[in-house]
Amino acid sequence: MINRTAYNLRVQTISAKTKEELTNQVNYFLENNPELVIQEIQYNTCASPCGTSDDLSVYVEYSALIIYIMP
């Protein structure tokens, strides 16, 4: 196994209320940073209950974790 450390490794987190908004924000980030070397993009969905027991609803948030190397 080879272990390497990248001192120029960075992480960008983007979150949004809808999948479409998240996709637009990720695309905007990628288009405006063409010099970055993308290593991985992880998409996540988080849902949590909110409100009272009489009116319980679910809050959903979408997020993306972009791992990249600065040139």
N, C-alpha and C. Protein backbone atom coordinates (compact mmCIF):
# COMPACT_ATOMS: atom_id res chain seq x y z
N MET A 1 0.85 -1.17 0.00
CA MET A 1 0.00 0.00 0.00
C MET A 1 0.89 1.24 0.00
N ILE A 2 0.51 2.21 -0.81
CA ILE A 2 1.27 3.45 -0.91
C ILE A 2 0.47 4.56 -0.25
N ASN A 3 1.09 5.24 0.68
CA ASN A 3 0.47 6.38 1.34
C ASN A 3 1.12 7.65 0.84
N ARG A 4 0.30 8.59 0.38
CA ARG A 4 0.81 9.88 -0.05
C ARG A 4 -0.01 10.97 0.61
N THR A 5 0.64 12.07 0.89
CA THR A 5 -0.05 13.22 1.47
C THR A 5 -0.05 14.34 0.45
N ALA A 6 -1.21 14.91 0.22
CA ALA A 6 -1.32 16.05 -0.69
C ALA A 6 -1.54 17.30 0.15
N TYR A 7 -0.53 18.13 0.21
CA TYR A 7 -0.63 19.35 1.01
C TYR A 7 -1.56 20.37 0.36
N ASN A 8 -1.81 20.19 -0.92
CA ASN A 8 -2.67 21.13 -1.62
C ASN A 8 -4.09 20.57 -1.81
N LEU A 9 -4.46 19.57 -1.04
CA LEU A 9 -5.80 18.99 -1.09
C LEU A 9 -6.79 19.90 -0.39
N ARG A 10 -7.90 20.19 -1.02
CA ARG A 10 -8.92 21.08 -0.46
C ARG A 10 -10.29 20.43 -0.55
N VAL A 11 -11.21 20.93 0.27
CA VAL A 11 -12.58 20.43 0.28
C VAL A 11 -13.53 21.62 0.22
N GLN A 12 -14.54 21.51 -0.61
CA GLN A 12 -15.59 22.53 -0.72
C GLN A 12 -16.93 21.86 -0.44
N THR A 13 -17.70 22.42 0.46
CA THR A 13 -19.03 21.89 0.76
C THR A 13 -20.07 22.87 0.24
N ILE A 14 -21.04 22.32 -0.46
CA ILE A 14 -22.14 23.14 -1.00
C ILE A 14 -23.44 22.50 -0.54
N SER A 15 -24.36 23.30 -0.05
CA SER A 15 -25.66 22.77 0.37
C SER A 15 -26.78 23.59 -0.25
N ALA A 16 -27.94 22.94 -0.42
CA ALA A 16 -29.09 23.60 -1.03
C ALA A 16 -30.37 22.94 -0.56
N LYS A 17 -31.48 23.60 -0.84
CA LYS A 17 -32.78 23.08 -0.41
C LYS A 17 -33.40 22.13 -1.43
N THR A 18 -32.94 22.19 -2.69
CA THR A 18 -33.46 21.29 -3.71
C THR A 18 -32.30 20.66 -4.48
N LYS A 19 -32.58 19.53 -5.13
CA LYS A 19 -31.55 18.87 -5.93
C LYS A 19 -31.13 19.74 -7.11
N GLU A 20 -32.10 20.40 -7.71
CA GLU A 20 -31.82 21.26 -8.86
C GLU A 20 -30.91 22.42 -8.46
N GLU A 21 -31.19 23.05 -7.35
CA GLU A 21 -30.36 24.15 -6.86
C GLU A 21 -28.94 23.66 -6.56
N LEU A 22 -28.83 22.48 -5.96
CA LEU A 22 -27.51 21.92 -5.67
C LEU A 22 -26.74 21.65 -6.95
N THR A 23 -27.39 21.06 -7.93
CA THR A 23 -26.75 20.78 -9.21
C THR A 23 -26.26 22.07 -9.85
N ASN A 24 -27.08 23.10 -9.82
CA ASN A 24 -26.68 24.39 -10.40
C ASN A 24 -25.47 24.98 -9.67
N GLN A 25 -25.45 24.88 -8.34
CA GLN A 25 -24.33 25.43 -7.57
C GLN A 25 -23.04 24.65 -7.81
N VAL A 26 -23.14 23.32 -7.91
CA VAL A 26 -21.95 22.49 -8.18
C VAL A 26 -21.42 22.82 -9.57
N ASN A 27 -22.30 22.90 -10.55
CA ASN A 27 -21.87 23.23 -11.91
C ASN A 27 -21.22 24.61 -11.97
N TYR A 28 -21.79 25.57 -11.27
CA TYR A 28 -21.22 26.92 -11.22
C TYR A 28 -19.81 26.88 -10.63
N PHE A 29 -19.62 26.13 -9.54
CA PHE A 29 -18.31 26.02 -8.91
C PHE A 29 -17.30 25.40 -9.88
N LEU A 30 -17.71 24.33 -10.56
CA LEU A 30 -16.80 23.65 -11.49
C LEU A 30 -16.46 24.52 -12.70
N GLU A 31 -17.45 25.21 -13.24
CA GLU A 31 -17.23 26.07 -14.40
C GLU A 31 -16.33 27.26 -14.08
N ASN A 32 -16.40 27.76 -12.86
CA ASN A 32 -15.61 28.93 -12.48
C ASN A 32 -14.26 28.59 -11.87
N ASN A 33 -13.96 27.30 -11.79
CA ASN A 33 -12.66 26.86 -11.27
C ASN A 33 -12.09 25.75 -12.16
N PRO A 34 -11.89 26.02 -13.44
CA PRO A 34 -11.44 24.98 -14.36
C PRO A 34 -10.02 24.48 -14.07
N GLU A 35 -9.26 25.24 -13.30
CA GLU A 35 -7.87 24.85 -13.00
C GLU A 35 -7.78 23.77 -11.91
N LEU A 36 -8.87 23.53 -11.19
CA LEU A 36 -8.84 22.55 -10.10
C LEU A 36 -8.83 21.12 -10.65
N VAL A 37 -8.13 20.25 -9.96
CA VAL A 37 -8.11 18.83 -10.31
C VAL A 37 -9.06 18.13 -9.34
N ILE A 38 -10.26 17.79 -9.85
CA ILE A 38 -11.29 17.19 -9.01
C ILE A 38 -10.93 15.74 -8.73
N GLN A 39 -10.93 15.38 -7.46
CA GLN A 39 -10.64 14.01 -7.04
C GLN A 39 -11.92 13.22 -6.82
N GLU A 40 -12.92 13.87 -6.24
CA GLU A 40 -14.15 13.16 -5.92
C GLU A 40 -15.26 14.17 -5.60
N ILE A 41 -16.48 13.80 -5.96
CA ILE A 41 -17.66 14.58 -5.56
C ILE A 41 -18.63 13.61 -4.89
N GLN A 42 -19.00 13.90 -3.65
CA GLN A 42 -19.93 13.07 -2.90
C GLN A 42 -21.22 13.85 -2.69
N TYR A 43 -22.34 13.23 -3.06
CA TYR A 43 -23.64 13.85 -2.85
C TYR A 43 -24.33 13.20 -1.66
N ASN A 44 -24.97 14.01 -0.82
CA ASN A 44 -25.65 13.51 0.37
C ASN A 44 -27.03 14.15 0.49
N THR A 45 -27.92 13.42 1.13
CA THR A 45 -29.24 13.93 1.45
C THR A 45 -29.46 13.73 2.94
N CYS A 46 -29.87 14.78 3.61
CA CYS A 46 -30.11 14.72 5.04
C CYS A 46 -31.56 15.12 5.30
N ALA A 47 -32.28 14.27 6.00
CA ALA A 47 -33.67 14.57 6.35
C ALA A 47 -33.82 14.51 7.87
N SER A 48 -34.49 15.50 8.43
CA SER A 48 -34.71 15.49 9.87
C SER A 48 -36.10 16.03 10.17
N PRO A 49 -36.74 15.46 11.17
CA PRO A 49 -38.08 15.92 11.52
C PRO A 49 -38.04 17.31 12.15
N CYS A 50 -39.07 18.09 11.91
CA CYS A 50 -39.17 19.40 12.54
C CYS A 50 -40.64 19.71 12.76
N GLY A 51 -40.91 20.60 13.66
CA GLY A 51 -42.29 20.96 13.99
C GLY A 51 -42.73 20.30 15.28
N THR A 52 -44.02 20.40 15.57
CA THR A 52 -44.58 19.81 16.78
C THR A 52 -45.19 18.46 16.46
N SER A 53 -45.56 17.73 17.47
CA SER A 53 -46.13 16.39 17.25
C SER A 53 -47.45 16.46 16.48
N ASP A 54 -48.17 17.57 16.59
CA ASP A 54 -49.43 17.71 15.85
C ASP A 54 -49.19 18.02 14.37
N ASP A 55 -48.12 18.71 14.09
CA ASP A 55 -47.82 19.12 12.72
C ASP A 55 -46.36 18.79 12.41
N LEU A 56 -46.05 17.50 12.40
CA LEU A 56 -44.67 17.06 12.18
C LEU A 56 -44.38 17.01 10.68
N SER A 57 -43.33 17.70 10.28
CA SER A 57 -42.91 17.67 8.88
C SER A 57 -41.43 17.27 8.84
N VAL A 58 -40.93 17.10 7.66
CA VAL A 58 -39.54 16.67 7.49
C VAL A 58 -38.79 17.75 6.73
N TYR A 59 -37.64 18.15 7.28
CA TYR A 59 -36.77 19.12 6.63
C TYR A 59 -35.70 18.33 5.87
N VAL A 60 -35.56 18.60 4.59
CA VAL A 60 -34.60 17.89 3.75
C VAL A 60 -33.57 18.89 3.23
N GLU A 61 -32.30 18.51 3.31
CA GLU A 61 -31.23 19.34 2.77
C GLU A 61 -30.32 18.47 1.92
N TYR A 62 -29.94 18.99 0.78
CA TYR A 62 -29.04 18.28 -0.13
C TYR A 62 -27.67 18.94 -0.06
N SER A 63 -26.62 18.14 -0.11
CA SER A 63 -25.28 18.71 -0.05
C SER A 63 -24.32 17.93 -0.94
N ALA A 64 -23.25 18.61 -1.29
CA ALA A 64 -22.20 18.01 -2.10
C ALA A 64 -20.86 18.35 -1.45
N LEU A 65 -20.00 17.37 -1.41
CA LEU A 65 -18.65 17.54 -0.90
C LEU A 65 -17.72 17.36 -2.08
N ILE A 66 -17.00 18.40 -2.45
CA ILE A 66 -16.08 18.36 -3.59
C ILE A 66 -14.67 18.34 -3.05
N ILE A 67 -13.94 17.29 -3.37
CA ILE A 67 -12.54 17.14 -2.95
C ILE A 67 -11.67 17.40 -4.18
N TYR A 68 -10.75 18.35 -4.06
CA TYR A 68 -9.95 18.73 -5.22
C TYR A 68 -8.53 19.07 -4.80
N ILE A 69 -7.66 19.13 -5.80
CA ILE A 69 -6.27 19.50 -5.58
C ILE A 69 -6.03 20.85 -6.25
N MET A 70 -5.45 21.76 -5.50
CA MET A 70 -5.07 23.06 -6.06
C MET A 70 -3.82 22.87 -6.91
N PRO A 71 -3.77 23.50 -8.08
CA PRO A 71 -2.57 23.35 -8.92
C PRO A 71 -1.37 24.08 -8.33
